[in-house]
């Protein structure tokens, strides 16, 4: 759903520290700012869409990132934490897409 004009209305949403970490991760996976991701997700759910903002292109991009980081780690001694972060992002994206696919098939 696209805005039919300028967006002037806003709301405040409060998250726990743990919830905010998840929200930030999902927004980053989608390549969006947190506010944009929250708005897009809420509107998707409210209008009967899937609400998913992560899909196959995101998984492919994350996979390529993970492979690049892993290769760099082997070749140049990149930090193990970088590899783990990429793999965690990839796992999170896979979880979201699988959940959406399961929901769509029910």
C-alpha atoms as a PDB file:
ATOM      1  CA  UNK A   1       0.000   0.000   0.000  1.00  0.00           C
ATOM      2  CA  UNK A   2       1.357   3.388  -0.970  1.00  0.00           C
ATOM      3  CA  UNK A   3       0.633   6.595   0.872  1.00  0.00           C
ATOM      4  CA  UNK A   4      -1.930   8.701  -0.975  1.00  0.00           C
ATOM      5  CA  UNK A   5      -0.199  11.886   0.042  1.00  0.00           C
ATOM      6  CA  UNK A   6       2.325  13.228   2.510  1.00  0.00           C
ATOM      7  CA  UNK A   7       2.569  11.342   5.774  1.00  0.00           C
ATOM      8  CA  UNK A   8       1.974  13.734   8.653  1.00  0.00           C
ATOM      9  CA  UNK A   9       0.634  11.367  11.309  1.00  0.00           C
ATOM     10  CA  UNK A  10       2.903   9.534  13.659  1.00  0.00           C
ATOM     11  CA  UNK A  11       2.685   7.232  16.638  1.00  0.00           C
ATOM     12  CA  UNK A  12       5.063   6.160  19.373  1.00  0.00           C
ATOM     13  CA  UNK A  13       5.833   2.486  19.737  1.00  0.00           C
ATOM     14  CA  UNK A  14       7.727   1.158  22.741  1.00  0.00           C
ATOM     15  CA  UNK A  15       9.866  -1.986  22.690  1.00  0.00           C
ATOM     16  CA  UNK A  16      11.852  -3.845  25.300  1.00  0.00           C
ATOM     17  CA  UNK A  17      15.594  -4.000  24.696  1.00  0.00           C
ATOM     18  CA  UNK A  18      15.285  -7.540  23.319  1.00  0.00           C
ATOM     19  CA  UNK A  19      12.355  -6.619  21.072  1.00  0.00           C
ATOM     20  CA  UNK A  20      14.235  -3.620  19.696  1.00  0.00           C
ATOM     21  CA  UNK A  21      17.177  -5.843  18.774  1.00  0.00           C
ATOM     22  CA  UNK A  22      14.823  -8.077  16.756  1.00  0.00           C
ATOM     23  CA  UNK A  23      13.125  -5.087  15.102  1.00  0.00           C
ATOM     24  CA  UNK A  24      16.465  -3.566  14.136  1.00  0.00           C
ATOM     25  CA  UNK A  25      17.678  -6.891  12.732  1.00  0.00           C
ATOM     26  CA  UNK A  26      14.532  -7.336  10.626  1.00  0.00           C
ATOM     27  CA  UNK A  27      14.716  -3.757   9.348  1.00  0.00           C
ATOM     28  CA  UNK A  28      18.371  -4.240   8.403  1.00  0.00           C
ATOM     29  CA  UNK A  29      17.517  -7.480   6.602  1.00  0.00           C
ATOM     30  CA  UNK A  30      14.916  -5.634   4.576  1.00  0.00           C
ATOM     31  CA  UNK A  31      17.300  -2.753   3.870  1.00  0.00           C
ATOM     32  CA  UNK A  32      14.973  -0.261   5.564  1.00  0.00           C
ATOM     33  CA  UNK A  33      15.172   2.207   8.405  1.00  0.00           C
ATOM     34  CA  UNK A  34      13.433   0.930  11.545  1.00  0.00           C
ATOM     35  CA  UNK A  35      10.490   3.340  11.196  1.00  0.00           C
ATOM     36  CA  UNK A  36      10.000   2.495   7.533  1.00  0.00           C
ATOM     37  CA  UNK A  37      10.136  -1.236   8.268  1.00  0.00           C
ATOM     38  CA  UNK A  38       7.645  -0.962  11.134  1.00  0.00           C
ATOM     39  CA  UNK A  39       5.274   1.103   8.967  1.00  0.00           C
ATOM     40  CA  UNK A  40       5.530  -1.244   5.990  1.00  0.00           C
ATOM     41  CA  UNK A  41       5.048  -4.322   8.148  1.00  0.00           C
ATOM     42  CA  UNK A  42       2.065  -2.888  10.021  1.00  0.00           C
ATOM     43  CA  UNK A  43       0.358  -1.746   6.822  1.00  0.00           C
ATOM     44  CA  UNK A  44       0.998  -5.129   5.197  1.00  0.00           C
ATOM     45  CA  UNK A  45      -0.676  -6.935   8.082  1.00  0.00           C
ATOM     46  CA  UNK A  46      -3.489  -4.395   8.427  1.00  0.00           C
ATOM     47  CA  UNK A  47      -4.401  -4.580   4.755  1.00  0.00           C
ATOM     48  CA  UNK A  48      -4.389  -8.368   4.653  1.00  0.00           C
ATOM     49  CA  UNK A  49      -1.006  -8.733   2.975  1.00  0.00           C
ATOM     50  CA  UNK A  50       1.639 -11.062   4.237  1.00  0.00           C
ATOM     51  CA  UNK A  51       3.521  -8.293   5.991  1.00  0.00           C
ATOM     52  CA  UNK A  52       6.743  -9.964   4.876  1.00  0.00           C
ATOM     53  CA  UNK A  53       9.477  -7.590   3.886  1.00  0.00           C
ATOM     54  CA  UNK A  54      12.118 -10.272   3.511  1.00  0.00           C
ATOM     55  CA  UNK A  55      12.078 -12.612   0.569  1.00  0.00           C
ATOM     56  CA  UNK A  56      14.215 -14.592  -1.803  1.00  0.00           C
ATOM     57  CA  UNK A  57      16.310 -11.620  -2.998  1.00  0.00           C
ATOM     58  CA  UNK A  58      17.170 -10.862   0.631  1.00  0.00           C
ATOM     59  CA  UNK A  59      18.194 -14.467   1.219  1.00  0.00           C
ATOM     60  CA  UNK A  60      20.363 -14.487  -1.885  1.00  0.00           C
ATOM     61  CA  UNK A  61      22.037 -11.207  -0.899  1.00  0.00           C
ATOM     62  CA  UNK A  62      22.691 -12.492   2.618  1.00  0.00           C
ATOM     63  CA  UNK A  63      24.023 -15.771   1.294  1.00  0.00           C
ATOM     64  CA  UNK A  64      26.443 -13.908  -0.962  1.00  0.00           C
ATOM     65  CA  UNK A  65      27.486 -11.724   1.992  1.00  0.00           C
ATOM     66  CA  UNK A  66      28.053 -14.780   4.176  1.00  0.00           C
ATOM     67  CA  UNK A  67      30.150 -16.476   1.501  1.00  0.00           C
ATOM     68  CA  UNK A  68      32.209 -13.302   0.985  1.00  0.00           C
ATOM     69  CA  UNK A  69      32.844 -12.859   4.698  1.00  0.00           C
ATOM     70  CA  UNK A  70      33.707 -16.532   5.139  1.00  0.00           C
ATOM     71  CA  UNK A  71      36.179 -16.377   2.225  1.00  0.00           C
ATOM     72  CA  UNK A  72      37.716 -13.205   3.624  1.00  0.00           C
ATOM     73  CA  UNK A  73      38.030 -14.872   7.010  1.00  0.00           C
ATOM     74  CA  UNK A  74      39.994 -17.735   5.483  1.00  0.00           C
ATOM     75  CA  UNK A  75      42.113 -15.543   3.219  1.00  0.00           C
ATOM     76  CA  UNK A  76      42.855 -12.543   5.401  1.00  0.00           C
ATOM     77  CA  UNK A  77      42.064 -13.556   8.949  1.00  0.00           C
ATOM     78  CA  UNK A  78      38.793 -11.631   9.235  1.00  0.00           C
ATOM     79  CA  UNK A  79      37.178 -11.729  12.652  1.00  0.00           C
ATOM     80  CA  UNK A  80      35.197 -14.843  13.513  1.00  0.00           C
ATOM     81  CA  UNK A  81      32.466 -12.520  14.878  1.00  0.00           C
ATOM     82  CA  UNK A  82      31.885 -11.085  11.390  1.00  0.00           C
ATOM     83  CA  UNK A  83      31.240 -14.550  10.021  1.00  0.00           C
ATOM     84  CA  UNK A  84      28.907 -15.392  12.904  1.00  0.00           C
ATOM     85  CA  UNK A  85      26.957 -12.133  12.489  1.00  0.00           C
ATOM     86  CA  UNK A  86      26.397 -12.844   8.807  1.00  0.00           C
ATOM     87  CA  UNK A  87      25.253 -16.400   9.545  1.00  0.00           C
ATOM     88  CA  UNK A  88      22.851 -15.171  12.232  1.00  0.00           C
ATOM     89  CA  UNK A  89      21.362 -12.666   9.787  1.00  0.00           C
ATOM     90  CA  UNK A  90      20.996 -15.395   7.196  1.00  0.00           C
ATOM     91  CA  UNK A  91      19.293 -17.701   9.725  1.00  0.00           C
ATOM     92  CA  UNK A  92      16.904 -14.911  10.752  1.00  0.00           C
ATOM     93  CA  UNK A  93      15.979 -14.219   7.134  1.00  0.00           C
ATOM     94  CA  UNK A  94      15.406 -17.902   6.437  1.00  0.00           C
ATOM     95  CA  UNK A  95      13.179 -18.162   9.524  1.00  0.00           C
ATOM     96  CA  UNK A  96      11.039 -15.219   8.388  1.00  0.00           C
ATOM     97  CA  UNK A  97      10.624 -16.500   4.840  1.00  0.00           C
ATOM     98  CA  UNK A  98       9.817 -20.043   5.990  1.00  0.00           C
ATOM     99  CA  UNK A  99       7.222 -18.747   8.453  1.00  0.00           C
ATOM    100  CA  UNK A 100       5.595 -16.643   5.728  1.00  0.00           C
ATOM    101  CA  UNK A 101       5.548 -19.566   3.322  1.00  0.00           C
ATOM    102  CA  UNK A 102       3.994 -21.794   5.998  1.00  0.00           C
ATOM    103  CA  UNK A 103       1.358 -19.167   6.759  1.00  0.00           C
ATOM    104  CA  UNK A 104       0.552 -18.710   3.052  1.00  0.00           C
ATOM    105  CA  UNK A 105       0.027 -22.447   2.570  1.00  0.00           C
ATOM    106  CA  UNK A 106      -2.403 -22.835   5.484  1.00  0.00           C
END
